[in-house]
Protein backbone atom coordinates (compact mmCIF):
# COMPACT_ATOMS: atom_id res chain seq x y z
CA UNK A 1 -75.10 -4.65 62.07
CA UNK A 2 -76.32 -2.91 58.90
CA UNK A 3 -78.35 0.27 59.43
CA UNK A 4 -81.76 0.27 57.75
CA UNK A 5 -82.41 2.66 54.89
CA UNK A 6 -85.22 5.00 55.92
CA UNK A 7 -83.96 8.19 54.26
CA UNK A 8 -87.11 8.76 52.21
CA UNK A 9 -89.75 7.43 54.60
CA UNK A 10 -91.06 10.87 55.59
CA UNK A 11 -92.61 13.43 53.22
CA UNK A 12 -90.05 15.86 51.80
CA UNK A 13 -91.34 19.34 51.00
CA UNK A 14 -88.82 20.04 48.27
CA UNK A 15 -86.75 17.23 46.78
CA UNK A 16 -83.03 17.79 46.23
CA UNK A 17 -80.64 15.80 44.07
CA UNK A 18 -79.46 12.50 45.50
CA UNK A 19 -75.90 12.66 46.87
CA UNK A 20 -73.67 10.03 48.46
CA UNK A 21 -73.22 11.83 51.76
CA UNK A 22 -72.73 10.52 55.31
CA UNK A 23 -76.44 9.79 55.70
CA UNK A 24 -76.47 7.64 52.55
CA UNK A 25 -73.13 5.93 53.25
CA UNK A 26 -74.41 4.88 56.69
CA UNK A 27 -77.35 2.95 55.20
CA UNK A 28 -75.92 2.21 51.75
CA UNK A 29 -75.41 -1.52 52.21
CA UNK A 30 -79.07 -1.97 53.13
CA UNK A 31 -80.15 0.44 50.39
CA UNK A 32 -78.31 -1.31 47.58
CA UNK A 33 -79.34 -4.80 48.71
CA UNK A 34 -83.01 -3.77 48.75
CA UNK A 35 -82.80 -1.69 45.56
CA UNK A 36 -80.73 -3.80 43.14
CA UNK A 37 -82.33 -7.05 41.93
CA UNK A 38 -80.09 -10.10 42.47
CA UNK A 39 -77.52 -7.90 44.20
CA UNK A 40 -75.73 -10.74 46.01
CA UNK A 41 -75.61 -12.89 42.88
CA UNK A 42 -74.32 -9.99 40.77
CA UNK A 43 -71.54 -9.39 43.28
CA UNK A 44 -70.65 -13.08 43.11
CA UNK A 45 -70.72 -13.05 39.29
CA UNK A 46 -68.61 -9.89 39.14
CA UNK A 47 -65.94 -11.41 41.38
CA UNK A 48 -66.09 -14.69 39.45
CA UNK A 49 -65.51 -12.87 36.15
CA UNK A 50 -62.79 -10.68 37.66
CA UNK A 51 -60.92 -13.73 38.94
CA UNK A 52 -61.00 -15.31 35.48
CA UNK A 53 -59.48 -12.22 33.81
CA UNK A 54 -57.09 -11.09 36.57
CA UNK A 55 -53.44 -11.21 35.52
CA UNK A 56 -50.51 -11.42 37.91
CA UNK A 57 -48.63 -8.16 38.36
CA UNK A 58 -51.54 -5.97 37.27
CA UNK A 59 -54.06 -3.63 38.89
CA UNK A 60 -57.76 -4.25 39.41
CA UNK A 61 -59.86 -1.10 39.63
CA UNK A 62 -63.26 -0.69 41.27
CA UNK A 63 -64.53 2.65 39.97
CA UNK A 64 -67.26 3.90 42.26
CA UNK A 65 -66.23 1.45 44.96
CA UNK A 66 -68.79 2.83 47.49
CA UNK A 67 -68.48 0.96 50.82
CA UNK A 68 -65.93 -1.55 49.52
CA UNK A 69 -68.09 -4.68 49.30
CA UNK A 70 -66.66 -5.79 45.95
CA UNK A 71 -63.10 -5.02 47.02
CA UNK A 72 -63.45 -7.13 50.15
CA UNK A 73 -64.72 -10.07 48.11
CA UNK A 74 -61.96 -9.65 45.53
CA UNK A 75 -59.19 -9.41 48.12
CA UNK A 76 -60.23 -12.78 49.54
CA UNK A 77 -60.87 -14.49 46.19
CA UNK A 78 -57.57 -13.28 44.70
CA UNK A 79 -55.42 -13.87 47.77
CA UNK A 80 -53.13 -16.26 45.86
CA UNK A 81 -52.52 -13.88 42.94
CA UNK A 82 -50.12 -10.96 42.72
CA UNK A 83 -52.61 -8.20 42.01
CA UNK A 84 -53.23 -4.76 43.45
CA UNK A 85 -56.79 -3.58 44.12
CA UNK A 86 -57.59 0.12 43.68
CA UNK A 87 -60.95 1.55 44.72
CA UNK A 88 -61.92 5.02 43.57
CA UNK A 89 -64.95 7.02 44.71
CA UNK A 90 -66.01 10.67 44.73
CA UNK A 91 -67.50 10.47 48.22
CA UNK A 92 -65.19 10.76 51.21
CA UNK A 93 -67.98 9.33 53.38
CA UNK A 94 -68.15 6.23 51.19
CA UNK A 95 -64.37 5.86 51.24
CA UNK A 96 -64.36 6.04 55.04
CA UNK A 97 -66.91 3.21 55.16
CA UNK A 98 -64.89 1.23 52.61
CA UNK A 99 -61.70 1.58 54.65
CA UNK A 100 -63.51 0.37 57.75
CA UNK A 101 -65.03 -2.60 55.93
CA UNK A 102 -61.78 -3.65 54.26
CA UNK A 103 -60.01 -3.64 57.62
CA UNK A 104 -62.75 -5.84 59.09
CA UNK A 105 -63.62 -8.13 56.18
CA UNK A 106 -60.94 -7.87 53.49
CA UNK A 107 -57.18 -7.75 53.04
CA UNK A 108 -55.90 -4.18 53.52
CA UNK A 109 -52.41 -5.18 52.33
CA UNK A 110 -53.57 -5.44 48.69
CA UNK A 111 -56.18 -2.66 48.72
CA UNK A 112 -55.78 1.06 48.12
CA UNK A 113 -58.55 3.65 48.23
CA UNK A 114 -58.46 6.92 46.32
CA UNK A 115 -60.71 9.94 46.06
CA UNK A 116 -61.57 10.71 42.46
CA UNK A 117 -64.38 12.22 40.41
CA UNK A 118 -64.86 10.34 37.13
CA UNK A 119 -66.60 13.39 35.68
CA UNK A 120 -63.39 15.37 36.13
CA UNK A 121 -60.51 12.97 35.51
CA UNK A 122 -59.60 9.32 35.45
CA UNK A 123 -56.28 7.49 35.39
CA UNK A 124 -56.24 3.74 34.76
CA UNK A 125 -52.96 1.94 34.14
CA UNK A 126 -51.68 -1.63 33.92
CA UNK A 127 -55.17 -2.96 34.61
CA UNK A 128 -56.37 -6.47 33.86
CA UNK A 129 -59.86 -5.81 35.28
CA UNK A 130 -61.92 -2.65 35.73
CA UNK A 131 -65.27 -2.84 37.52
CA UNK A 132 -68.06 -0.28 37.38
CA UNK A 133 -70.91 -1.46 39.58
CA UNK A 134 -73.82 0.96 39.07
CA UNK A 135 -71.34 3.77 38.43
CA UNK A 136 -71.53 4.59 34.72
CA UNK A 137 -75.15 5.70 35.14
CA UNK A 138 -74.00 8.51 37.46
CA UNK A 139 -71.39 9.86 35.01
CA UNK A 140 -72.69 12.74 32.92
CA UNK A 141 -73.42 11.48 29.37
CA UNK A 142 -71.06 14.04 27.84
CA UNK A 143 -68.17 12.44 29.77
CA UNK A 144 -68.90 8.75 29.21
CA UNK A 145 -66.97 8.33 25.94
CA UNK A 146 -63.90 9.91 27.53
CA UNK A 147 -64.11 7.74 30.65
CA UNK A 148 -64.54 4.46 28.77
CA UNK A 149 -61.76 5.35 26.33
CA UNK A 150 -59.44 6.02 29.27
CA UNK A 151 -60.39 2.65 30.77
CA UNK A 152 -59.77 0.86 27.47
CA UNK A 153 -56.39 2.54 27.08
CA UNK A 154 -55.43 1.58 30.64
CA UNK A 155 -56.26 -2.11 30.23
CA UNK A 156 -53.65 -4.69 29.26
CA UNK A 157 -54.43 -6.89 26.29
CA UNK A 158 -56.96 -9.52 27.30
CA UNK A 159 -58.18 -7.34 30.17
CA UNK A 160 -61.85 -6.67 30.74
CA UNK A 161 -64.33 -4.08 31.89
CA UNK A 162 -67.32 -5.30 33.91
CA UNK A 163 -70.30 -2.94 33.99
CA UNK A 164 -73.42 -3.51 36.07
CA UNK A 165 -75.99 -0.86 35.31
CA UNK A 166 -79.57 0.30 35.51
CA UNK A 167 -80.82 0.46 31.94
CA UNK A 168 -83.70 1.77 29.83
CA UNK A 169 -86.19 -0.55 28.18
CA UNK A 170 -86.02 -0.96 24.38
CA UNK A 171 -89.12 1.23 23.82
CA UNK A 172 -91.30 3.54 25.87
CA UNK A 173 -94.05 0.98 26.53
CA UNK A 174 -91.73 -1.79 27.71
CA UNK A 175 -89.70 0.72 29.68
CA UNK A 176 -92.81 1.67 31.64
CA UNK A 177 -93.67 -2.01 32.18
CA UNK A 178 -90.17 -2.75 33.47
CA UNK A 179 -90.21 0.25 35.80
CA UNK A 180 -93.55 -0.90 37.23
CA UNK A 181 -92.13 -4.37 37.87
CA UNK A 182 -89.06 -2.80 39.47
CA UNK A 183 -91.22 -0.72 41.80
CA UNK A 184 -93.11 -3.91 42.72
CA UNK A 185 -89.74 -5.47 43.55
CA UNK A 186 -88.85 -2.56 45.83
CA UNK A 187 -92.24 -2.87 47.51
CA UNK A 188 -91.51 -6.54 48.23
CA UNK A 189 -88.24 -5.42 49.80
CA UNK A 190 -90.14 -3.24 52.27
CA UNK A 191 -90.09 0.19 50.65
CA UNK A 192 -93.32 2.20 50.76
CA UNK A 193 -94.80 3.97 47.74
CA UNK A 194 -93.75 7.27 49.32
CA UNK A 195 -90.12 6.10 49.63
CA UNK A 196 -90.09 4.79 46.07
CA UNK A 197 -91.53 8.01 44.63
CA UNK A 198 -89.32 10.38 46.63
CA UNK A 199 -86.10 8.51 45.85
CA UNK A 200 -86.98 8.36 42.17
CA UNK A 201 -87.50 12.13 42.15
CA UNK A 202 -84.17 12.68 43.94
CA UNK A 203 -82.36 10.52 41.34
CA UNK A 204 -84.10 11.99 38.30
CA UNK A 205 -81.36 14.46 37.36
CA UNK A 206 -78.48 12.41 38.76
CA UNK A 207 -78.92 8.84 37.48
CA UNK A 208 -79.23 8.81 33.67
CA UNK A 209 -79.50 5.27 32.28
CA UNK A 210 -78.91 4.19 28.70
CA UNK A 211 -80.45 1.33 26.75
CA UNK A 212 -78.36 -1.84 26.41
CA UNK A 213 -77.66 -1.11 22.74
CA UNK A 214 -76.53 2.44 23.61
CA UNK A 215 -74.08 1.10 26.19
CA UNK A 216 -72.79 -1.49 23.71
CA UNK A 217 -72.28 1.23 21.08
CA UNK A 218 -70.45 3.33 23.66
CA UNK A 219 -68.11 0.43 24.43
CA UNK A 220 -67.50 -0.22 20.75
CA UNK A 221 -66.58 3.43 20.17
CA UNK A 222 -64.12 3.14 23.05
CA UNK A 223 -62.27 0.32 21.30
CA UNK A 224 -63.51 -2.86 22.96
CA UNK A 225 -63.46 -5.84 20.61
CA UNK A 226 -65.63 -8.38 22.47
CA UNK A 227 -68.82 -7.25 24.26
CA UNK A 228 -71.48 -9.43 25.83
CA UNK A 229 -74.52 -9.01 28.08
CA UNK A 230 -74.04 -11.53 30.89
CA UNK A 231 -77.05 -10.47 32.99
CA UNK A 232 -80.48 -8.99 32.33
CA UNK A 233 -83.44 -8.39 34.64
CA UNK A 234 -86.05 -5.99 33.21
CA UNK A 235 -84.38 -2.58 33.54
CA UNK A 236 -81.09 -3.85 35.00
CA UNK A 237 -78.17 -5.34 33.10
CA UNK A 238 -74.58 -6.56 33.28
CA UNK A 239 -72.07 -6.21 30.43
CA UNK A 240 -68.53 -7.50 30.00
CA UNK A 241 -66.18 -5.91 27.44
CA UNK A 242 -62.77 -7.36 26.59
CA UNK A 243 -59.76 -5.55 25.10
């Protein structure tokens, strides 16, 4: 049974930065389902794309693997291919949840979990697919070029990077409109105005989104030759980049 996210349902006197601690990892699956538009479909699309680009004898990385949902789906969908799945996260609490979920729902024999902080270091090698599901937005902007260059260098030819991300609108007016629609979405998912406001404040200095064109430019600077937006919903987007 998935625990319900009620972290921000009571008034907080002084907001602190959002962190992926034990409290968040316990309710994360409910939180992300209720917070990310088309979450289930994006997971399905991500796995579908990953399966198309996966190459036998290579690694598939999930950077910011959180509770292991994507890895579980991949391990079942790629059961007939000789690939190795590597999940990396900077939260030990998230990794503990991921290990538990993979044992229950995935294939532990092809999955490895590692602690790693993408703001500090990253090592990607012999990869045919790298996935960043709502991860790039949490990497400090000063480090994003370095991280994406390391990913590009670690991909085999024909490999791909799949990025699902919260994004900024193309101008300040539309950005405000999209944010309003997103808050309406969260309200339909059962979050109160207090919860929406307090979580947004907690994320303000932690989650820093770019516009679609800024992310595309970032990928181009990192060396990717083919880049396409495969999903867009107001201030949420999905991008695939091929080496």
